[in-house]
Amino acid sequence: MITRVGPGTPLGNLFRRYWIPACLSEELKPGGAPLPVKLLGERLVAYRNKEGKIGLLGEFCPHRGTSLTLARNDDCGLACIYHGWAFDTDGSCTNMPSEPDFSRFKEKIKALSYPVCETGGIAWTYMGEPERMPAPPKFIWTSLPESHRMVAKVYQECNYLQIWENEIDYMHAAFAHLALKEQDMKEGALSTELGINPSHPLVTSRNPLLSVQPTTYGFRNMFVGQADTSENADQFILDAPILMPSFAFTPRVKEEDHLFHAYVPIDDTTTWSYDVHFTLDRPLNHDTQMERRGLWVDENYKKIYNRDNNYKQDRSLMESGNFSGILGISNQDHAVTESMGPIVDRSKEHLGTSDVGVIALRRMVLKSIKLLQKGEIPPGLDPGIPTERIYSEGVIAPPGVPWKEACPLDPVFEPSKADNPVNN
């Protein structure tokens, strides 16, 4: 129910109610080669016409099924190289040279097409029923200048849910991302390529409180630990907004750069992971963020360090470098999620108290599917939700102050009891 995304599946129907990333804007050049795009199990092709408008069409020509990834990008649209049938960005047939001039056959032919909008360096698409299309995506980072954000994508060899669940698992940071020695952090960075300093509160907090708070867009994933190891230490409070259908803001405090993730199913067993690093009040150091990610990719956005070479894990590095022996904080995440297999068998898991976020996530997705099946609106689709105001804003607070008071939820995101997307 919560892993299969193909056409007609319950989860596939749910994903098709939201705008999702189709590709990076930079992948499409005006008049350039069509780009094969696979989303939610569907084979598509994206292109930017000579005027700069993007189209997202079904990959196969409606005439005889030739792939439009081979098509010419002509003035009349994508022209199939087999018989010259051409389609504009809306899928309308604009030319049919294999038919007589008097023929009106082309007026009856339309290629599968999905609407596209560009914002924040990403081309987004909506693959659902046209009459239910929500407003285009708008986040706090989409309106920032390019100097303040870095947008990247990478191919992952596993189901989207494994990646999303890892995103909300606070406790893994103290192990998979642990550096064994103190490091000088560059401005805005949570970690280096080795990982997080052993003195960071994510690592040192004793028995942190892990909780979730329902919102209109999904829920806030909360971490309440200690700012240091002293007897009466202040509270170290992190919140991570989790958004339907598969988005998340990584927890950050004021001094650290922000990070947004979108996990987009290619099919049931592979995923496009989009990472958006951004700052609100100063230019972003792109080199610092690239280094700490450790995700070096080829021309197809596939990792150089991957399953085939064991993510370049170095056993000697485990002695004095970091806990995992893997360089790159994002590379570490890819290793642990992909090593589970294409779709992990959750019937064999043994969830503990630290898995409260994972449990909440699964409940939210299941409830969202049930809402959709009943004809009701899933979380995050209310047009009144000001999504541009969502971001992580961790705080330091005196001991004893309730976390809901120290790090309050913006009232505009407070759901009614009936709309609680986490609990059944």
Protein backbone atom coordinates (compact mmCIF):
# COMPACT_ATOMS: atom_id res chain seq x y z
CA MET A 1 0.00 0.00 0.00
CA ILE A 2 2.76 2.48 0.80
CA THR A 3 5.55 1.38 -1.56
CA ARG A 4 3.94 0.64 -4.97
CA VAL A 5 3.53 3.73 -7.14
CA GLY A 6 2.48 2.58 -10.62
CA PRO A 7 -0.65 3.83 -12.42
CA GLY A 8 -3.83 2.73 -10.65
CA THR A 9 -2.16 1.73 -7.37
CA PRO A 10 -3.46 3.39 -4.17
CA LEU A 11 -0.12 5.11 -3.50
CA GLY A 12 0.34 5.96 -7.17
CA ASN A 13 -3.04 7.70 -7.15
CA LEU A 14 -1.98 9.63 -4.05
CA PHE A 15 1.32 10.83 -5.55
CA ARG A 16 -0.54 11.96 -8.65
CA ARG A 17 -2.47 14.52 -6.60
CA TYR A 18 0.70 16.55 -5.89
CA TRP A 19 3.26 18.50 -7.90
CA ILE A 20 6.52 16.52 -7.96
CA PRO A 21 9.95 17.26 -9.47
CA ALA A 22 10.33 15.93 -13.01
CA CYS A 23 13.90 17.07 -13.67
CA LEU A 24 16.32 19.90 -13.05
CA SER A 25 15.73 23.01 -15.15
CA GLU A 26 19.35 22.89 -16.29
CA GLU A 27 18.80 19.51 -17.95
CA LEU A 28 16.62 21.05 -20.67
CA LYS A 29 18.12 23.43 -23.22
CA PRO A 30 15.99 25.47 -25.67
CA GLY A 31 15.78 23.42 -28.84
CA GLY A 32 17.94 20.74 -27.25
CA ALA A 33 17.69 16.97 -27.16
CA PRO A 34 14.62 15.43 -25.48
CA LEU A 35 15.25 13.99 -22.01
CA PRO A 36 13.93 10.54 -21.06
CA VAL A 37 12.07 10.86 -17.75
CA LYS A 38 10.54 8.02 -15.77
CA LEU A 39 8.17 8.96 -12.96
CA LEU A 40 5.82 6.80 -10.91
CA GLY A 41 6.44 3.91 -13.28
CA GLU A 42 5.56 5.91 -16.41
CA ARG A 43 8.03 6.40 -19.26
CA LEU A 44 7.95 10.03 -20.37
CA VAL A 45 10.06 12.50 -22.32
CA ALA A 46 10.74 16.13 -21.39
CA TYR A 47 11.87 18.85 -23.76
CA ARG A 48 12.22 22.61 -23.94
CA ASN A 49 11.10 24.11 -27.25
CA LYS A 50 13.01 26.85 -29.00
CA GLU A 51 10.91 29.49 -27.22
CA GLY A 52 11.89 28.05 -23.83
CA LYS A 53 8.62 26.36 -22.89
CA ILE A 54 8.83 22.86 -21.37
CA GLY A 55 6.72 19.90 -22.40
CA LEU A 56 6.41 16.53 -20.66
CA LEU A 57 4.95 13.90 -22.98
CA GLY A 58 4.47 10.17 -23.04
CA GLU A 59 7.66 8.66 -24.42
CA PHE A 60 6.13 6.75 -27.30
CA CYS A 61 4.76 8.33 -30.46
CA PRO A 62 0.98 7.73 -30.80
CA HIS A 63 1.51 6.65 -34.41
CA ARG A 64 3.64 3.50 -34.23
CA GLY A 65 5.27 3.69 -30.80
CA THR A 66 8.75 4.98 -31.67
CA SER A 67 10.47 6.64 -28.71
CA LEU A 68 10.29 10.42 -28.75
CA THR A 69 13.65 10.56 -26.99
CA LEU A 70 14.94 10.26 -30.57
CA ALA A 71 12.71 13.05 -31.85
CA ARG A 72 13.77 16.27 -33.55
CA ASN A 73 13.14 19.43 -31.51
CA ASP A 74 11.72 21.48 -34.38
CA ASP A 75 9.72 24.71 -34.61
CA CYS A 76 6.49 22.73 -34.65
CA GLY A 77 7.41 20.72 -31.55
CA LEU A 78 8.88 17.26 -31.00
CA ALA A 79 8.93 15.58 -34.42
CA CYS A 80 9.16 11.80 -34.42
CA ILE A 81 12.01 10.64 -36.66
CA TYR A 82 9.91 7.70 -37.96
CA HIS A 83 7.19 9.55 -39.89
CA GLY A 84 7.55 13.18 -38.81
CA TRP A 85 4.49 13.41 -36.58
CA ALA A 86 5.08 16.42 -34.32
CA PHE A 87 3.64 17.37 -30.94
CA ASP A 88 3.69 20.66 -29.03
CA THR A 89 4.27 21.02 -25.29
CA ASP A 90 0.57 20.34 -24.63
CA GLY A 91 0.65 17.10 -26.62
CA SER A 92 -1.38 18.44 -29.54
CA CYS A 93 -0.34 17.11 -32.94
CA THR A 94 0.99 20.06 -34.94
CA ASN A 95 2.25 18.28 -38.03
CA MET A 96 1.46 15.00 -39.78
CA PRO A 97 3.47 15.04 -43.04
CA SER A 98 2.76 11.38 -43.74
CA GLU A 99 -0.94 12.25 -44.32
CA PRO A 100 -2.50 14.20 -47.24
CA ASP A 101 -2.67 17.97 -46.91
CA PHE A 102 -6.48 17.90 -46.78
CA SER A 103 -6.51 15.37 -43.92
CA ARG A 104 -7.86 16.48 -40.54
CA PHE A 105 -6.52 13.33 -38.89
CA LYS A 106 -4.02 15.27 -36.78
CA GLU A 107 -6.88 17.06 -35.02
CA LYS A 108 -7.92 13.71 -33.56
CA ILE A 109 -4.46 12.76 -32.26
CA LYS A 110 -3.03 13.91 -28.95
CA ALA A 111 0.04 12.62 -27.15
CA LEU A 112 -0.07 11.95 -23.42
CA SER A 113 1.10 15.14 -21.73
CA TYR A 114 1.39 16.50 -18.21
CA PRO A 115 1.54 20.15 -17.14
CA VAL A 116 4.92 21.53 -16.10
CA CYS A 117 5.94 24.58 -14.07
CA GLU A 118 9.45 25.82 -13.29
CA THR A 119 10.45 27.22 -9.94
CA GLY A 120 13.56 27.09 -7.78
CA GLY A 121 15.71 25.49 -10.50
CA ILE A 122 13.36 22.49 -10.83
CA ALA A 123 10.80 21.57 -13.49
CA TRP A 124 7.75 20.22 -11.60
CA THR A 125 4.88 18.21 -12.99
CA TYR A 126 1.37 17.26 -11.97
CA MET A 127 0.26 13.82 -13.18
CA GLY A 128 -3.25 13.69 -11.74
CA GLU A 129 -6.75 14.63 -12.82
CA PRO A 130 -6.65 18.11 -14.41
CA GLU A 131 -9.68 19.37 -12.51
CA ARG A 132 -7.97 18.58 -9.18
CA MET A 133 -4.63 20.24 -9.95
CA PRO A 134 -3.38 22.24 -6.93
CA ALA A 135 -1.51 25.53 -7.10
CA PRO A 136 2.10 25.28 -8.33
CA PRO A 137 4.71 24.52 -5.63
CA LYS A 138 5.92 27.44 -3.54
CA PHE A 139 8.53 26.99 -0.82
CA ILE A 140 10.74 29.32 1.17
CA TRP A 141 13.70 28.48 -1.09
CA THR A 142 12.01 28.71 -4.50
CA SER A 143 12.14 32.52 -4.59
CA LEU A 144 15.73 32.84 -3.36
CA PRO A 145 18.47 34.04 -5.73
CA GLU A 146 20.70 31.33 -7.18
CA SER A 147 23.57 32.56 -4.99
CA HIS A 148 21.58 31.45 -1.94
CA ARG A 149 20.70 27.92 -3.03
CA MET A 150 22.19 24.79 -4.57
CA VAL A 151 19.85 22.34 -6.29
CA ALA A 152 21.05 18.81 -7.06
CA LYS A 153 19.61 15.40 -7.79
CA VAL A 154 20.95 11.87 -7.52
CA TYR A 155 19.73 8.41 -8.48
CA GLN A 156 19.02 5.98 -5.63
CA GLU A 157 18.65 2.24 -6.03
CA CYS A 158 15.81 1.58 -3.61
CA ASN A 159 12.17 2.40 -2.91
CA TYR A 160 11.43 6.02 -2.00
CA LEU A 161 10.03 5.10 1.44
CA GLN A 162 13.35 3.75 2.74
CA ILE A 163 14.96 7.07 1.92
CA TRP A 164 12.15 9.13 3.44
CA GLU A 165 12.16 7.02 6.61
CA ASN A 166 15.91 7.55 6.97
CA GLU A 167 15.29 11.29 6.71
CA ILE A 168 13.18 11.31 9.86
CA ASP A 169 15.33 8.89 11.88
CA TYR A 170 17.10 11.24 14.29
CA MET A 171 19.06 8.54 16.13
CA HIS A 172 21.05 7.35 13.12
CA ALA A 173 22.98 10.64 13.13
CA ALA A 174 24.88 9.52 16.25
CA PHE A 175 26.18 6.46 14.42
CA ALA A 176 26.04 6.56 10.61
CA HIS A 177 27.13 10.23 10.60
CA LEU A 178 29.49 10.21 13.57
CA ALA A 179 33.01 11.61 13.14
CA LEU A 180 35.43 10.22 15.73
CA LYS A 181 37.29 13.48 16.26
CA GLU A 182 36.51 17.18 16.53
CA GLN A 183 36.71 19.17 13.29
CA ASP A 184 36.64 22.83 12.38
CA MET A 185 33.33 23.43 10.68
CA LYS A 186 33.04 25.86 7.82
CA GLU A 187 30.39 28.56 8.02
CA GLY A 188 26.89 27.13 7.97
CA ALA A 189 27.95 23.46 7.82
CA LEU A 190 26.52 20.80 10.13
CA SER A 191 29.29 18.37 9.25
CA THR A 192 32.36 17.70 7.15
CA GLU A 193 32.75 14.78 4.75
CA LEU A 194 33.75 12.69 7.79
CA GLY A 195 30.50 13.44 9.58
CA ILE A 196 29.14 15.24 12.64
CA ASN A 197 31.43 16.22 15.50
CA PRO A 198 31.27 13.89 18.54
CA SER A 199 30.47 16.94 20.72
CA HIS A 200 27.34 17.88 18.72
CA PRO A 201 24.09 17.65 20.72
CA LEU A 202 22.67 15.20 18.17
CA VAL A 203 25.37 12.81 19.34
CA THR A 204 25.75 13.64 23.03
CA SER A 205 22.12 14.09 24.08
CA ARG A 206 21.18 11.49 26.69
CA ASN A 207 17.83 9.81 26.08
CA PRO A 208 16.42 12.57 23.87
CA LEU A 209 12.68 13.01 23.64
CA LEU A 210 11.46 12.11 20.16
CA SER A 211 7.98 13.19 19.21
CA VAL A 212 5.79 14.25 16.29
CA GLN A 213 3.32 17.09 15.96
CA PRO A 214 0.57 16.88 13.31
CA THR A 215 0.28 19.77 10.84
CA THR A 216 -1.84 20.63 7.82
CA TYR A 217 1.07 19.69 5.51
CA GLY A 218 2.08 16.47 7.30
CA PHE A 219 3.85 16.66 10.66
CA ARG A 220 6.80 18.13 12.53
CA ASN A 221 9.42 15.59 13.58
CA MET A 222 10.81 16.75 16.94
CA PHE A 223 14.08 16.11 18.79
CA VAL A 224 14.54 17.41 22.36
CA GLY A 225 18.01 16.80 23.78
CA GLN A 226 20.65 18.67 25.79
CA ALA A 227 22.73 21.52 24.40
CA ASP A 228 25.83 20.20 26.22
CA THR A 229 26.81 17.53 28.75
CA SER A 230 26.63 19.72 31.88
CA GLU A 231 24.28 18.88 34.77
CA ASN A 232 21.73 21.63 34.07
CA ALA A 233 22.21 21.99 30.34
CA ASP A 234 19.82 23.96 28.19
CA GLN A 235 17.50 22.06 25.91
CA PHE A 236 18.54 21.49 22.31
CA ILE A 237 15.33 21.38 20.27
CA LEU A 238 15.10 20.51 16.59
CA ASP A 239 12.06 20.42 14.36
CA ALA A 240 11.96 18.87 10.91
CA PRO A 241 8.87 19.57 8.79
CA ILE A 242 7.70 16.44 6.93
CA LEU A 243 5.51 17.22 3.93
CA MET A 244 3.31 15.06 1.74
CA PRO A 245 3.79 13.37 -0.62
CA SER A 246 7.53 12.72 0.06
CA PHE A 247 9.26 15.96 1.03
CA ALA A 248 11.20 17.04 4.12
CA PHE A 249 13.20 19.87 5.61
CA THR A 250 16.28 18.55 7.41
CA PRO A 251 16.53 19.81 11.04
CA ARG A 252 18.71 22.87 11.43
CA VAL A 253 19.50 25.53 14.02
CA LYS A 254 19.92 29.20 13.14
CA GLU A 255 23.68 29.05 12.48
CA GLU A 256 23.43 26.19 9.99
CA ASP A 257 22.50 26.20 6.29
CA HIS A 258 19.06 24.83 5.49
CA LEU A 259 18.25 21.71 3.47
CA PHE A 260 15.12 20.54 1.65
CA HIS A 261 14.65 17.04 0.22
CA ALA A 262 12.22 15.64 -2.33
CA TYR A 263 12.16 11.87 -2.83
CA VAL A 264 10.48 11.14 -6.17
CA PRO A 265 9.72 7.54 -7.14
CA ILE A 266 11.00 6.59 -10.57
CA ASP A 267 9.28 3.26 -10.06
CA ASP A 268 8.85 0.85 -7.14
CA THR A 269 12.56 0.16 -6.70
CA THR A 270 14.39 3.34 -7.76
CA THR A 271 14.13 6.99 -6.73
CA TRP A 272 15.30 10.46 -7.68
CA SER A 273 16.51 12.29 -4.59
CA TYR A 274 16.52 16.07 -4.91
CA ASP A 275 18.64 18.07 -2.45
CA VAL A 276 18.17 21.81 -2.08
CA HIS A 277 20.75 23.50 0.16
CA PHE A 278 19.85 27.10 0.89
CA THR A 279 20.52 30.12 3.09
CA LEU A 280 18.12 32.91 3.87
CA ASP A 281 20.42 35.85 4.57
CA ARG A 282 23.75 35.30 2.78
CA PRO A 283 25.25 33.55 -0.25
CA LEU A 284 25.64 29.78 0.09
CA ASN A 285 29.10 28.21 -0.03
CA HIS A 286 28.47 25.65 -2.76
CA ASP A 287 31.88 24.00 -2.45
CA THR A 288 31.43 23.33 1.26
CA GLN A 289 28.05 21.68 0.74
CA MET A 290 29.25 19.60 -2.21
CA GLU A 291 32.21 18.31 -0.20
CA ARG A 292 30.20 17.34 2.86
CA ARG A 293 27.55 15.58 0.74
CA GLY A 294 30.13 13.29 -0.81
CA LEU A 295 27.86 12.51 -3.76
CA TRP A 296 29.97 12.68 -6.87
CA VAL A 297 27.82 11.77 -9.86
CA ASP A 298 28.27 10.96 -13.54
CA GLU A 299 26.47 12.55 -16.50
CA ASN A 300 23.35 10.52 -15.63
CA TYR A 301 23.30 11.69 -11.98
CA LYS A 302 24.34 8.25 -10.77
CA LYS A 303 26.83 8.00 -7.89
CA ILE A 304 30.51 7.28 -8.48
CA TYR A 305 30.61 5.80 -4.97
CA ASN A 306 27.85 3.19 -5.06
CA ARG A 307 26.81 -0.38 -4.25
CA ASP A 308 29.19 -1.84 -6.80
CA ASN A 309 32.25 -0.41 -5.01
CA ASN A 310 30.73 -0.59 -1.50
CA TYR A 311 30.48 3.23 -1.38
CA LYS A 312 34.31 3.34 -1.11
CA GLN A 313 34.05 2.21 2.49
CA ASP A 314 37.49 2.28 4.15
CA ARG A 315 37.91 -0.02 7.18
CA SER A 316 41.00 1.85 8.33
CA LEU A 317 38.93 5.05 8.43
CA MET A 318 36.80 3.45 11.14
CA GLU A 319 39.75 3.49 13.53
CA SER A 320 40.22 7.24 13.78
CA GLY A 321 38.05 8.91 11.14
CA ASN A 322 34.38 8.05 11.47
CA PHE A 323 32.00 5.36 12.62
CA SER A 324 30.91 4.18 9.16
CA GLY A 325 34.18 4.22 7.24
CA ILE A 326 32.37 6.07 4.44
CA LEU A 327 33.09 9.64 3.38
CA GLY A 328 30.25 12.06 2.68
CA ILE A 329 27.24 12.53 4.93
CA SER A 330 24.79 11.95 2.06
CA ASN A 331 26.85 9.04 0.76
CA GLN A 332 26.50 7.48 4.22
CA ASP A 333 22.70 7.83 3.96
CA HIS A 334 22.67 6.20 0.53
CA ALA A 335 24.73 3.28 1.80
CA VAL A 336 22.42 2.42 4.69
CA THR A 337 19.18 2.76 2.69
CA GLU A 338 20.27 1.01 -0.50
CA SER A 339 21.91 -1.85 1.38
CA MET A 340 18.45 -2.84 2.67
CA GLY A 341 17.55 -3.97 -0.84
CA PRO A 342 15.15 -2.54 -3.43
CA ILE A 343 12.14 -2.77 -1.09
CA VAL A 344 12.89 -3.69 2.50
CA ASP A 345 10.78 -6.46 4.06
CA ARG A 346 9.19 -4.53 6.93
CA SER A 347 7.62 -7.68 8.37
CA LYS A 348 11.10 -8.60 9.63
CA GLU A 349 11.74 -5.30 11.43
CA HIS A 350 11.87 -4.77 15.19
CA LEU A 351 10.95 -1.14 15.79
CA GLY A 352 11.99 0.49 19.06
CA THR A 353 11.27 3.70 20.96
CA SER A 354 13.54 5.69 18.65
CA ASP A 355 11.33 4.82 15.67
CA VAL A 356 8.39 7.05 16.61
CA GLY A 357 8.92 9.16 13.49
CA VAL A 358 9.01 6.11 11.22
CA ILE A 359 5.74 4.84 12.70
CA ALA A 360 4.13 8.27 12.32
CA LEU A 361 5.25 8.50 8.70
CA ARG A 362 3.74 5.16 7.74
CA ARG A 363 0.49 6.03 9.51
CA MET A 364 0.33 9.36 7.70
CA VAL A 365 0.79 7.79 4.26
CA LEU A 366 -1.76 5.07 4.99
CA LYS A 367 -4.30 7.58 6.28
CA SER A 368 -3.70 9.82 3.27
CA ILE A 369 -4.46 6.89 0.94
CA LYS A 370 -7.68 6.17 2.87
CA LEU A 371 -8.73 9.83 2.68
CA LEU A 372 -8.19 9.84 -1.08
CA GLN A 373 -10.15 6.61 -1.50
CA LYS A 374 -13.06 8.19 0.39
CA GLY A 375 -12.99 11.23 -1.88
CA GLU A 376 -11.51 13.49 0.78
CA ILE A 377 -8.48 15.81 0.55
CA PRO A 378 -5.10 14.39 1.67
CA PRO A 379 -2.69 16.54 3.76
CA GLY A 380 -0.89 19.44 2.12
CA LEU A 381 -3.43 20.11 -0.66
CA ASP A 382 -5.50 22.80 1.05
CA PRO A 383 -4.84 25.92 -1.09
CA GLY A 384 -4.81 28.05 2.07
CA ILE A 385 -1.60 26.46 3.42
CA PRO A 386 1.25 29.03 3.18
CA THR A 387 3.93 26.49 2.24
CA GLU A 388 6.45 29.29 1.64
CA ARG A 389 6.58 29.78 5.44
CA ILE A 390 7.68 26.21 6.22
CA TYR A 391 11.27 25.53 7.27
CA SER A 392 13.27 24.02 10.12
CA GLU A 393 13.96 26.36 13.03
CA GLY A 394 15.67 24.53 15.89
CA VAL A 395 16.24 26.45 19.14
CA ILE A 396 18.15 26.40 22.42
CA ALA A 397 15.81 26.77 25.43
CA PRO A 398 16.15 26.75 29.24
CA PRO A 399 15.51 23.41 30.94
CA GLY A 400 11.94 22.72 31.89
CA VAL A 401 10.33 24.82 29.17
CA PRO A 402 7.88 22.62 27.19
CA TRP A 403 9.14 22.14 23.64
CA LYS A 404 5.81 23.22 22.18
CA GLU A 405 6.30 26.54 23.95
CA ALA A 406 10.01 26.89 23.17
CA CYS A 407 9.59 25.96 19.50
CA PRO A 408 5.92 26.65 18.75
CA LEU A 409 4.12 25.60 15.62
CA ASP A 410 2.96 28.50 13.48
CA PRO A 411 -0.83 28.56 14.13
CA VAL A 412 -1.54 28.63 10.38
CA PHE A 413 -0.31 25.01 10.22
CA GLU A 414 -2.45 23.74 13.09
CA PRO A 415 -4.81 21.01 11.83
CA SER A 416 -8.28 20.39 13.16
CA LYS A 417 -8.67 17.20 15.17
CA ALA A 418 -10.55 15.57 12.29
CA ASP A 419 -7.76 16.43 9.87
CA ASN A 420 -4.93 14.97 11.97
CA PRO A 421 -2.79 13.28 9.27
CA VAL A 422 -0.69 11.16 11.65
CA ASN A 423 -3.08 9.30 13.95
CA ASN A 424 -5.85 7.00 12.79
